[in-house]
């Protein structure tokens, strides 16, 4: 059968057209492949930049220096980049964007050149430059705080009966406990690192069960007993949601943040008291042990000077502490307590008590306390569990209008501190507000990194607590209203 001439002509034209178009189609295909390669390379670089910035922000969270923050972010980027040709820029604080100049943020910029294939190179584009930028930082997730409980897993212990004012108390059921017949109101956030059990803000068990011990425990005798705060945040859980309420909020408003990341010690960089650290307030004069039994009300005041003491025991009389730091490095041989204010009228304004279990502590060098760092002390052992720990301090605040206020010196590292216990000293500190003959006052920072602090009584306290564990015993309503607050809890997040 004879083919038509027109059909052959059309097929020839198609072949010619394909021959002309095929290189162009191939070039477009390579351009698409180049684009996909660039997109994939950018996506990988952006992921590395994001995680590197977050790793730097983690260092910010724990209070690392700018150099440590930048080094951590850079090391992470170098370890995770798939190419060695990329340049890495890390800035803390960021140099550009919405958070430029913010010390709470870190910026990571990655730049690299992606080699192109034939399709792009024949158009004069041998490589494509990519740039990935990320900013991560810290975001406050609570109000400024008034109470920070640091110990994530405190050892159980009982408290021995203390003189006539504190009965024997059983082992703690929570990193923070609220006991008694009144309401504890905190004008600020309560932050507890204890990761023990309980329930979260949805009523779901933390970890495998909601059984004790708890991150926070509120065991009321009356139905009105509650812990009220602007925020309540714990690494573990709580016993019952009904025991917690938001300060200034409605009764139905959820105040709890459970199963959250623990916060670092805000005072981890605080030095121990030495003359070199604070020559104006720390004195090397040695005064031995003092047991004071003066005439109440009518007797002349007994004045004490800053310096080093073996113990201070006040049983009666009028006592005035001159402003400065009082280092107490041993304990009364009769009571085995380092600092006792049992009765009398005490005026300790502009004062910080530093209590240590190191009998050889020297204000010249501060050793070995100066090297305590973040090290956790050993537990008290079976004896402390059964017999109980003796406290390092027993302070009866509410007698005859006694007053305790902190160092007031903006140039001092101890500005705002009234009680500071050696970090490795686990002994409890006991503060009692009985209001028998007057309304005493306790102000300032109470810092005992791994120790247990008990505040019992009623009334209002202009105080802040950074402690290992805390027990609040409300005889009636107790208010903690610090005029100067502690830092809030922060979370790490991607900002840009």
Protein backbone atom coordinates (compact mmCIF):
# COMPACT_ATOMS: atom_id res chain seq x y z
CA UNK A 1 0.00 0.00 0.00
CA UNK A 2 1.44 3.37 -0.95
CA UNK A 3 2.06 5.86 1.88
CA UNK A 4 0.84 9.40 1.44
CA UNK A 5 3.58 12.02 1.07
CA UNK A 6 1.92 14.37 3.62
CA UNK A 7 2.09 11.80 6.42
CA UNK A 8 5.79 11.22 5.93
CA UNK A 9 6.39 14.97 5.93
CA UNK A 10 4.58 15.44 9.26
CA UNK A 11 6.55 12.65 10.93
CA UNK A 12 9.76 14.20 9.78
CA UNK A 13 8.77 17.57 11.18
CA UNK A 14 8.00 15.97 14.56
CA UNK A 15 11.40 14.33 14.66
CA UNK A 16 13.09 17.61 13.82
CA UNK A 17 11.02 19.42 16.46
CA UNK A 18 11.94 16.80 19.09
CA UNK A 19 15.57 17.01 18.18
CA UNK A 20 15.50 20.76 18.72
CA UNK A 21 13.37 20.64 21.91
CA UNK A 22 15.00 17.70 23.69
CA UNK A 23 18.08 19.59 24.97
CA UNK A 24 15.83 22.34 26.26
CA UNK A 25 13.56 19.81 27.98
CA UNK A 26 16.62 18.11 29.46
CA UNK A 27 17.93 21.46 30.71
CA UNK A 28 14.59 22.22 32.38
CA UNK A 29 14.63 18.79 33.98
CA UNK A 30 18.09 19.42 35.41
CA UNK A 31 16.96 22.84 36.61
CA UNK A 32 14.12 21.13 38.47
CA UNK A 33 16.58 18.65 39.95
CA UNK A 34 18.88 21.53 40.94
CA UNK A 35 15.99 23.29 42.61
CA UNK A 36 15.05 20.15 44.52
CA UNK A 37 18.65 19.71 45.61
CA UNK A 38 18.87 23.32 46.80
CA UNK A 39 15.54 22.98 48.64
CA UNK A 40 16.66 19.77 50.36
CA UNK A 41 20.03 21.32 51.30
CA UNK A 42 18.29 24.40 52.70
CA UNK A 43 15.85 22.27 54.67
CA UNK A 44 18.70 20.27 56.19
CA UNK A 45 20.64 23.44 57.02
CA UNK A 46 17.56 25.02 58.61
CA UNK A 47 17.01 21.96 60.78
CA UNK A 48 20.61 22.07 61.96
CA UNK A 49 20.35 25.83 62.61
CA UNK A 50 17.15 25.31 64.65
CA UNK A 51 18.57 22.54 66.82
CA UNK A 52 21.90 24.34 67.24
CA UNK A 53 20.08 27.48 68.42
CA UNK A 54 18.00 25.38 70.84
CA UNK A 55 21.15 23.76 72.23
CA UNK A 56 22.60 27.23 72.82
CA UNK A 57 19.36 28.34 74.49
CA UNK A 58 19.62 25.29 76.77
CA UNK A 59 22.96 26.68 77.97
CA UNK A 60 21.26 30.03 78.58
CA UNK A 61 18.63 28.20 80.63
CA UNK A 62 21.33 26.87 82.95
CA UNK A 63 23.04 30.24 83.28
CA UNK A 64 26.12 29.55 81.16
CA UNK A 65 28.31 32.40 79.96
CA UNK A 66 27.95 33.95 76.51
CA UNK A 67 31.11 32.15 75.38
CA UNK A 68 29.77 28.78 76.56
CA UNK A 69 26.42 29.40 74.87
CA UNK A 70 28.05 30.25 71.53
CA UNK A 71 30.53 27.37 71.76
CA UNK A 72 27.77 24.82 72.44
CA UNK A 73 25.66 26.01 69.51
CA UNK A 74 28.69 26.02 67.19
CA UNK A 75 29.80 22.53 68.25
CA UNK A 76 26.31 21.16 67.64
CA UNK A 77 26.17 22.71 64.16
CA UNK A 78 29.63 21.41 63.23
CA UNK A 79 28.75 17.90 64.40
CA UNK A 80 25.49 17.72 62.44
CA UNK A 81 26.22 19.50 59.17
CA UNK A 82 26.64 17.12 56.24
CA UNK A 83 29.22 19.37 54.58
CA UNK A 84 32.48 20.87 55.77
CA UNK A 85 32.25 23.89 53.46
CA UNK A 86 29.53 25.70 55.42
CA UNK A 87 30.29 28.80 57.48
CA UNK A 88 28.76 29.01 60.94
CA UNK A 89 27.93 32.27 62.69
CA UNK A 90 26.66 32.24 66.28
CA UNK A 91 25.65 35.40 68.10
CA UNK A 92 24.51 35.74 71.69
CA UNK A 93 22.77 38.11 71.85
CA UNK A 94 21.46 38.16 68.25
CA UNK A 95 22.72 40.90 65.92
CA UNK A 96 19.56 41.19 63.85
CA UNK A 97 15.84 40.50 63.87
CA UNK A 98 13.19 41.05 66.51
CA UNK A 99 15.46 39.88 69.33
CA UNK A 100 18.60 41.81 68.44
CA UNK A 101 20.49 42.66 71.63
CA UNK A 102 18.45 40.29 73.84
CA UNK A 103 20.67 38.41 76.31
CA UNK A 104 17.97 35.72 76.57
CA UNK A 105 18.35 34.66 72.93
CA UNK A 106 20.96 33.07 70.65
CA UNK A 107 21.20 33.40 66.86
CA UNK A 108 22.67 30.77 64.50
CA UNK A 109 23.32 31.52 60.81
CA UNK A 110 24.56 28.84 58.41
CA UNK A 111 25.79 29.68 54.90
CA UNK A 112 26.83 27.22 52.22
CA UNK A 113 27.19 26.86 48.43
CA UNK A 114 25.35 23.99 46.70
CA UNK A 115 27.04 22.74 43.53
CA UNK A 116 24.66 22.87 40.55
CA UNK A 117 24.39 20.36 37.71
CA UNK A 118 24.55 20.87 33.93
CA UNK A 119 21.19 22.60 33.68
CA UNK A 120 22.17 25.54 35.86
CA UNK A 121 25.83 25.68 34.96
CA UNK A 122 25.14 26.14 31.24
CA UNK A 123 23.13 29.21 32.25
CA UNK A 124 26.19 30.59 34.04
CA UNK A 125 25.14 29.52 37.54
CA UNK A 126 27.74 27.00 38.82
CA UNK A 127 26.46 27.02 42.39
CA UNK A 128 23.66 28.37 44.53
CA UNK A 129 24.27 30.04 47.89
CA UNK A 130 21.92 29.06 50.72
CA UNK A 131 21.53 30.72 54.11
CA UNK A 132 19.61 29.34 57.08
CA UNK A 133 18.98 31.43 60.20
CA UNK A 134 17.40 30.52 63.52
CA UNK A 135 16.91 32.26 66.86
CA UNK A 136 16.05 30.41 70.06
CA UNK A 137 15.70 31.75 73.55
CA UNK A 138 14.02 31.75 76.92
CA UNK A 139 10.41 32.65 77.53
CA UNK A 140 8.97 33.27 81.00
CA UNK A 141 6.11 30.85 81.64
CA UNK A 142 5.26 31.94 85.20
CA UNK A 143 5.14 35.17 87.15
CA UNK A 144 8.20 36.13 89.17
CA UNK A 145 8.54 33.57 91.94
CA UNK A 146 8.55 33.66 95.73
CA UNK A 147 9.39 30.01 96.42
CA UNK A 148 11.80 27.70 94.55
CA UNK A 149 12.27 24.12 95.81
CA UNK A 150 15.37 22.62 94.20
CA UNK A 151 15.75 18.96 95.22
CA UNK A 152 14.41 16.64 92.51
CA UNK A 153 14.56 13.52 94.70
CA UNK A 154 15.12 14.42 98.37
CA UNK A 155 16.05 11.69 100.86
CA UNK A 156 13.33 10.88 103.39
CA UNK A 157 13.94 12.06 106.93
CA UNK A 158 12.11 12.87 110.13
CA UNK A 159 12.61 15.98 112.25
CA UNK A 160 13.59 15.54 115.88
CA UNK A 161 11.55 17.50 118.43
CA UNK A 162 13.12 20.91 118.90
CA UNK A 163 13.14 22.50 122.35
CA UNK A 164 9.60 23.43 123.42
CA UNK A 165 8.34 24.96 120.19
CA UNK A 166 8.54 22.32 117.42
CA UNK A 167 7.23 18.79 117.87
CA UNK A 168 8.68 15.75 116.15
CA UNK A 169 7.57 15.70 112.53
CA UNK A 170 7.33 12.67 110.22
CA UNK A 171 9.17 12.16 106.98
CA UNK A 172 8.15 14.49 104.18
CA UNK A 173 5.45 13.41 101.71
CA UNK A 174 6.27 16.08 99.17
CA UNK A 175 9.17 18.20 98.00
CA UNK A 176 6.94 21.02 99.26
CA UNK A 177 4.27 20.40 101.90
CA UNK A 178 1.46 22.58 103.21
CA UNK A 179 0.07 21.44 106.56
CA UNK A 180 -2.17 22.90 109.25
CA UNK A 181 -5.58 24.50 109.49
CA UNK A 182 -5.14 27.66 107.45
CA UNK A 183 -4.64 28.88 103.92
CA UNK A 184 -1.17 29.66 102.56
CA UNK A 185 -1.24 32.52 100.06
CA UNK A 186 1.83 33.31 97.98
CA UNK A 187 2.03 36.55 96.00
CA UNK A 188 4.29 35.05 93.35
CA UNK A 189 5.00 31.74 91.68
CA UNK A 190 5.76 28.51 93.52
CA UNK A 191 8.26 26.37 91.58
CA UNK A 192 9.10 22.84 92.75
CA UNK A 193 11.70 20.63 91.05
CA UNK A 194 10.75 17.48 92.97
CA UNK A 195 9.75 14.85 90.40
CA UNK A 196 7.69 12.63 92.69
CA UNK A 197 4.19 11.39 91.81
CA UNK A 198 0.66 12.70 92.08
CA UNK A 199 -1.62 14.04 89.38
CA UNK A 200 -1.14 16.68 86.70
CA UNK A 201 -3.39 19.64 85.87
CA UNK A 202 -5.75 17.31 83.99
CA UNK A 203 -6.12 14.93 86.92
CA UNK A 204 -4.05 12.26 85.18
CA UNK A 205 -1.45 10.29 87.18
CA UNK A 206 2.15 11.44 86.88
CA UNK A 207 4.42 8.62 85.74
CA UNK A 208 2.82 5.27 86.61
CA UNK A 209 0.65 6.20 89.56
CA UNK A 210 -0.79 9.11 91.47
CA UNK A 211 0.32 7.68 94.80
CA UNK A 212 2.54 9.44 97.37
CA UNK A 213 5.11 10.77 97.74
CA UNK A 214 4.16 13.85 95.73
CA UNK A 215 5.95 16.70 94.03
CA UNK A 216 3.74 19.04 96.09
CA UNK A 217 1.56 17.86 98.95
CA UNK A 218 -1.22 19.83 100.60
CA UNK A 219 -2.81 17.75 103.37
CA UNK A 220 -5.46 19.95 104.97
CA UNK A 221 -7.13 19.26 108.25
CA UNK A 222 -9.97 21.60 107.27
CA UNK A 223 -11.50 21.90 103.81
CA UNK A 224 -10.41 25.53 103.59
CA UNK A 225 -6.70 24.69 103.73
CA UNK A 226 -5.14 25.41 100.35
CA UNK A 227 -2.04 26.64 98.62
CA UNK A 228 -2.85 29.79 96.65
CA UNK A 229 -0.25 31.33 94.31
CA UNK A 230 0.01 33.21 91.02
CA UNK A 231 1.49 30.04 89.46
CA UNK A 232 2.23 26.56 90.81
CA UNK A 233 4.74 24.60 88.74
CA UNK A 234 6.24 21.22 89.56
CA UNK A 235 8.39 18.63 87.84
CA UNK A 236 6.22 15.93 89.42
CA UNK A 237 2.56 16.09 90.42
CA UNK A 238 0.29 17.14 93.29
CA UNK A 239 -1.94 15.20 95.65
CA UNK A 240 -5.36 16.75 94.86
CA UNK A 241 -6.20 19.50 92.38
CA UNK A 242 -8.84 20.86 94.78
CA UNK A 243 -6.10 21.92 97.21
CA UNK A 244 -4.60 24.52 94.85
CA UNK A 245 -5.94 27.82 93.59
CA UNK A 246 -4.77 30.83 91.61
CA UNK A 247 -3.94 34.04 93.44
CA UNK A 248 -6.41 36.71 92.34
CA UNK A 249 -8.15 34.30 89.98
CA UNK A 250 -11.52 32.63 89.82
CA UNK A 251 -12.11 29.39 91.62
CA UNK A 252 -12.32 27.48 88.33
CA UNK A 253 -9.03 28.80 86.92
CA UNK A 254 -6.29 26.16 86.66
CA UNK A 255 -3.12 27.33 88.39
CA UNK A 256 -1.07 24.13 88.07
CA UNK A 257 1.73 23.32 85.61
CA UNK A 258 2.75 19.70 86.29
CA UNK A 259 5.41 17.46 84.69
CA UNK A 260 7.46 20.51 83.74
CA UNK A 261 11.20 20.92 83.31
CA UNK A 262 13.11 21.66 86.55
CA UNK A 263 14.57 25.13 86.93
CA UNK A 264 18.21 25.87 87.84
CA UNK A 265 19.28 27.31 91.17
CA UNK A 266 19.05 31.12 90.79
CA UNK A 267 21.81 31.52 93.43
CA UNK A 268 24.25 28.96 92.00
CA UNK A 269 26.88 31.67 91.41
CA UNK A 270 26.56 33.16 94.91
CA UNK A 271 29.95 33.02 96.67
CA UNK A 272 30.41 31.92 100.25
CA UNK A 273 31.13 34.82 102.62
CA UNK A 274 34.79 35.81 102.65
CA UNK A 275 36.50 39.09 103.28
CA UNK A 276 37.61 39.11 99.64
CA UNK A 277 34.03 38.69 98.43
CA UNK A 278 32.59 41.44 100.64
CA UNK A 279 35.04 43.33 102.82
CA UNK A 280 32.40 45.80 103.96
CA UNK A 281 30.15 43.17 105.58
CA UNK A 282 32.31 40.09 106.23
CA UNK A 283 34.70 40.33 109.18
CA UNK A 284 37.37 37.87 110.31
CA UNK A 285 37.01 38.66 114.04
CA UNK A 286 36.40 35.52 116.11
CA UNK A 287 33.82 35.76 118.92
CA UNK A 288 33.56 32.13 120.10
CA UNK A 289 30.22 30.69 121.22
CA UNK A 290 27.57 32.99 122.73
CA UNK A 291 24.73 31.94 125.01
CA UNK A 292 22.67 34.96 126.02
CA UNK A 293 20.30 35.06 128.99
CA UNK A 294 19.49 38.71 129.63
CA UNK A 295 16.77 40.53 131.49
CA UNK A 296 13.61 40.67 129.38
CA UNK A 297 12.01 44.04 128.61
CA UNK A 298 13.95 46.13 131.12
CA UNK A 299 17.50 44.89 130.67
CA UNK A 300 20.06 46.80 128.62
CA UNK A 301 20.50 45.47 125.05
CA UNK A 302 23.37 43.12 124.38
CA UNK A 303 25.11 44.04 121.15
CA UNK A 304 26.75 41.51 118.84
CA UNK A 305 29.23 42.31 116.08
CA UNK A 306 29.71 40.68 112.67
CA UNK A 307 32.34 37.97 112.55
CA UNK A 308 32.83 34.26 113.21
CA UNK A 309 30.91 32.45 115.97
CA UNK A 310 30.88 28.86 117.17
CA UNK A 311 27.19 29.18 118.03
CA UNK A 312 24.65 31.81 119.03
CA UNK A 313 21.92 30.89 121.52
CA UNK A 314 19.46 33.54 122.72
CA UNK A 315 17.27 32.39 125.62
CA UNK A 316 16.08 35.72 126.99
CA UNK A 317 16.84 39.43 126.99
CA UNK A 318 17.29 42.16 124.41
CA UNK A 319 19.82 41.51 121.67
CA UNK A 320 20.92 43.82 118.87
CA UNK A 321 22.94 42.55 115.92
CA UNK A 322 25.05 45.18 114.23
CA UNK A 323 24.67 45.09 110.40
CA UNK A 324 26.89 42.61 108.61
CA UNK A 325 27.51 38.89 108.12
CA UNK A 326 27.47 36.44 111.05
CA UNK A 327 29.29 33.19 110.26
CA UNK A 328 28.23 30.34 112.57
CA UNK A 329 30.41 27.29 112.06
CA UNK A 330 29.63 24.93 114.95
CA UNK A 331 26.75 24.14 117.32
CA UNK A 332 25.78 24.72 120.94
CA UNK A 333 27.13 21.73 122.96
CA UNK A 334 23.86 21.55 124.93
CA UNK A 335 21.28 21.81 122.12
CA UNK A 336 23.44 20.79 119.12
CA UNK A 337 21.89 23.75 117.24
CA UNK A 338 24.01 26.42 115.57
CA UNK A 339 21.61 29.39 115.83
CA UNK A 340 18.82 29.57 118.41
CA UNK A 341 16.52 32.53 119.01
CA UNK A 342 14.11 31.06 121.50
CA UNK A 343 12.89 34.06 123.46
CA UNK A 344 13.66 37.70 124.03
CA UNK A 345 13.61 40.71 121.76
CA UNK A 346 15.96 40.45 118.77
CA UNK A 347 16.78 43.26 116.38
CA UNK A 348 18.82 41.97 113.46
CA UNK A 349 18.45 44.56 110.72
CA UNK A 350 20.84 44.55 107.74
CA UNK A 351 22.12 41.13 108.80
CA UNK A 352 22.89 37.81 107.09
CA UNK A 353 23.48 34.60 109.04
CA UNK A 354 25.75 32.13 107.26
CA UNK A 355 25.44 28.68 108.84
CA UNK A 356 27.92 25.92 108.03
CA UNK A 357 28.71 22.46 109.38
CA UNK A 358 32.41 23.09 108.73
CA UNK A 359 33.98 23.77 112.14
CA UNK A 360 37.16 25.03 110.51
CA UNK A 361 35.51 27.53 108.19
CA UNK A 362 37.66 30.62 107.65
CA UNK A 363 36.37 33.92 106.24
CA UNK A 364 39.79 34.37 104.61
CA UNK A 365 39.57 31.45 102.17
CA UNK A 366 36.07 30.00 102.55
CA UNK A 367 37.22 26.40 102.10
CA UNK A 368 35.87 23.78 101.73
CA UNK A 369 32.45 25.44 101.38
CA UNK A 370 33.59 27.43 98.36
CA UNK A 371 33.94 24.24 96.30
CA UNK A 372 30.50 22.77 97.11
CA UNK A 373 29.08 23.76 93.71
CA UNK A 374 26.15 21.71 92.43
CA UNK A 375 27.22 18.53 94.25
CA UNK A 376 24.40 16.73 96.03
CA UNK A 377 25.23 15.84 99.66
CA UNK A 378 24.90 12.31 100.96
CA UNK A 379 21.56 11.39 102.54
CA UNK A 380 21.14 11.28 106.30
CA UNK A 381 20.95 7.47 106.29
CA UNK A 382 18.71 5.19 108.31
CA UNK A 383 19.37 7.03 111.58
CA UNK A 384 18.09 10.31 110.16
CA UNK A 385 15.03 8.50 108.79
CA UNK A 386 14.09 6.95 112.14
CA UNK A 387 15.47 9.23 114.87
CA UNK A 388 15.32 12.44 112.90
CA UNK A 389 17.61 15.29 111.94
CA UNK A 390 18.46 18.07 114.38
CA UNK A 391 18.03 21.54 112.89
CA UNK A 392 20.84 23.98 112.27
CA UNK A 393 18.68 26.98 113.23
CA UNK A 394 15.56 27.56 115.31
CA UNK A 395 14.24 31.11 115.10
CA UNK A 396 11.17 32.20 117.05
CA UNK A 397 10.16 35.31 115.14
CA UNK A 398 7.05 36.49 116.95
CA UNK A 399 8.35 37.43 120.36
CA UNK A 400 8.30 41.03 121.61
CA UNK A 401 8.33 42.49 118.14
CA UNK A 402 11.60 40.94 117.00
CA UNK A 403 12.83 41.97 113.57
CA UNK A 404 15.12 40.22 111.07
CA UNK A 405 15.92 41.98 107.81
CA UNK A 406 18.60 41.26 105.19
CA UNK A 407 21.84 42.87 104.11
CA UNK A 408 21.00 46.20 102.52
CA UNK A 409 24.00 46.96 100.35
CA UNK A 410 23.69 47.02 96.56
CA UNK A 411 27.46 46.53 96.20
CA UNK A 412 27.39 43.28 98.20
CA UNK A 413 26.81 39.84 96.64
CA UNK A 414 24.68 39.16 99.73
CA UNK A 415 22.35 42.08 99.21
CA UNK A 416 18.84 40.93 100.12
CA UNK A 417 19.97 37.78 102.00
CA UNK A 418 19.06 37.13 105.63
CA UNK A 419 19.83 33.37 105.93
CA UNK A 420 22.35 31.40 103.88
CA UNK A 421 23.19 27.81 104.79
CA UNK A 422 26.16 25.96 103.37
CA UNK A 423 25.09 24.17 100.20
CA UNK A 424 26.17 20.71 101.41
CA UNK A 425 24.51 21.16 104.80
CA UNK A 426 21.22 19.23 104.79
CA UNK A 427 20.13 20.21 108.31
CA UNK A 428 16.65 21.72 108.63
CA UNK A 429 16.13 25.40 109.43
CA UNK A 430 13.04 26.16 111.52
CA UNK A 431 11.21 29.50 111.67
CA UNK A 432 8.24 29.90 114.00
CA UNK A 433 5.86 32.87 114.22
CA UNK A 434 3.91 32.43 117.46
CA UNK A 435 2.81 36.05 117.98
CA UNK A 436 2.76 35.57 121.74
CA UNK A 437 3.85 39.03 122.81
CA UNK A 438 4.16 40.90 119.55
CA UNK A 439 4.23 40.60 115.81
CA UNK A 440 7.79 39.86 114.69
CA UNK A 441 9.02 40.09 111.13
CA UNK A 442 11.19 37.95 108.84
CA UNK A 443 12.39 39.51 105.59
CA UNK A 444 14.83 38.66 102.82
CA UNK A 445 16.18 35.59 101.04
CA UNK A 446 16.34 32.27 102.87
CA UNK A 447 18.78 30.06 100.92
CA UNK A 448 19.54 26.44 101.78
CA UNK A 449 20.30 24.60 98.53
CA UNK A 450 19.88 21.01 99.76
CA UNK A 451 18.47 21.68 103.22
CA UNK A 452 14.93 21.47 104.58
CA UNK A 453 13.17 24.64 105.75
CA UNK A 454 10.11 24.77 108.01
CA UNK A 455 8.01 27.91 108.39
CA UNK A 456 5.28 27.51 111.01
CA UNK A 457 2.74 29.98 112.30
CA UNK A 458 0.62 32.73 110.83
CA UNK A 459 0.89 36.27 109.56
CA UNK A 460 2.62 37.93 106.62
CA UNK A 461 6.25 37.39 105.60
CA UNK A 462 8.26 39.58 103.25
CA UNK A 463 10.52 36.64 102.48
CA UNK A 464 11.72 34.51 99.56
CA UNK A 465 12.75 30.86 99.79
CA UNK A 466 15.26 28.93 97.65
CA UNK A 467 15.62 25.62 99.44
CA UNK A 468 16.04 21.88 98.98
CA UNK A 469 12.62 21.04 100.49
CA UNK A 470 9.99 23.16 102.23
CA UNK A 471 7.28 22.55 104.82
CA UNK A 472 4.74 25.29 105.56
CA UNK A 473 2.65 24.76 108.70
CA UNK A 474 -0.23 27.24 108.77
CA UNK A 475 -1.65 27.64 112.25
CA UNK A 476 -4.05 30.18 110.75
CA UNK A 477 -3.73 32.00 107.43
CA UNK A 478 -0.16 32.54 106.26
CA UNK A 479 0.81 35.08 103.58
CA UNK A 480 4.15 35.18 101.77
CA UNK A 481 4.39 38.53 100.02
CA UNK A 482 7.95 39.38 98.98
CA UNK A 483 8.61 42.98 98.04
CA UNK A 484 11.44 41.77 95.79
CA UNK A 485 10.75 38.54 93.90
CA UNK A 486 12.83 35.72 92.50
CA UNK A 487 13.10 34.91 88.77
CA UNK A 488 10.21 33.20 86.97
CA UNK A 489 10.38 29.76 85.39
CA UNK A 490 11.56 29.81 81.78
CA UNK A 491 11.07 27.41 78.89
CA UNK A 492 13.33 27.11 75.82
CA UNK A 493 11.63 27.84 72.48
CA UNK A 494 12.30 28.73 68.84
CA UNK A 495 11.72 32.46 68.44
CA UNK A 496 12.60 33.01 64.76
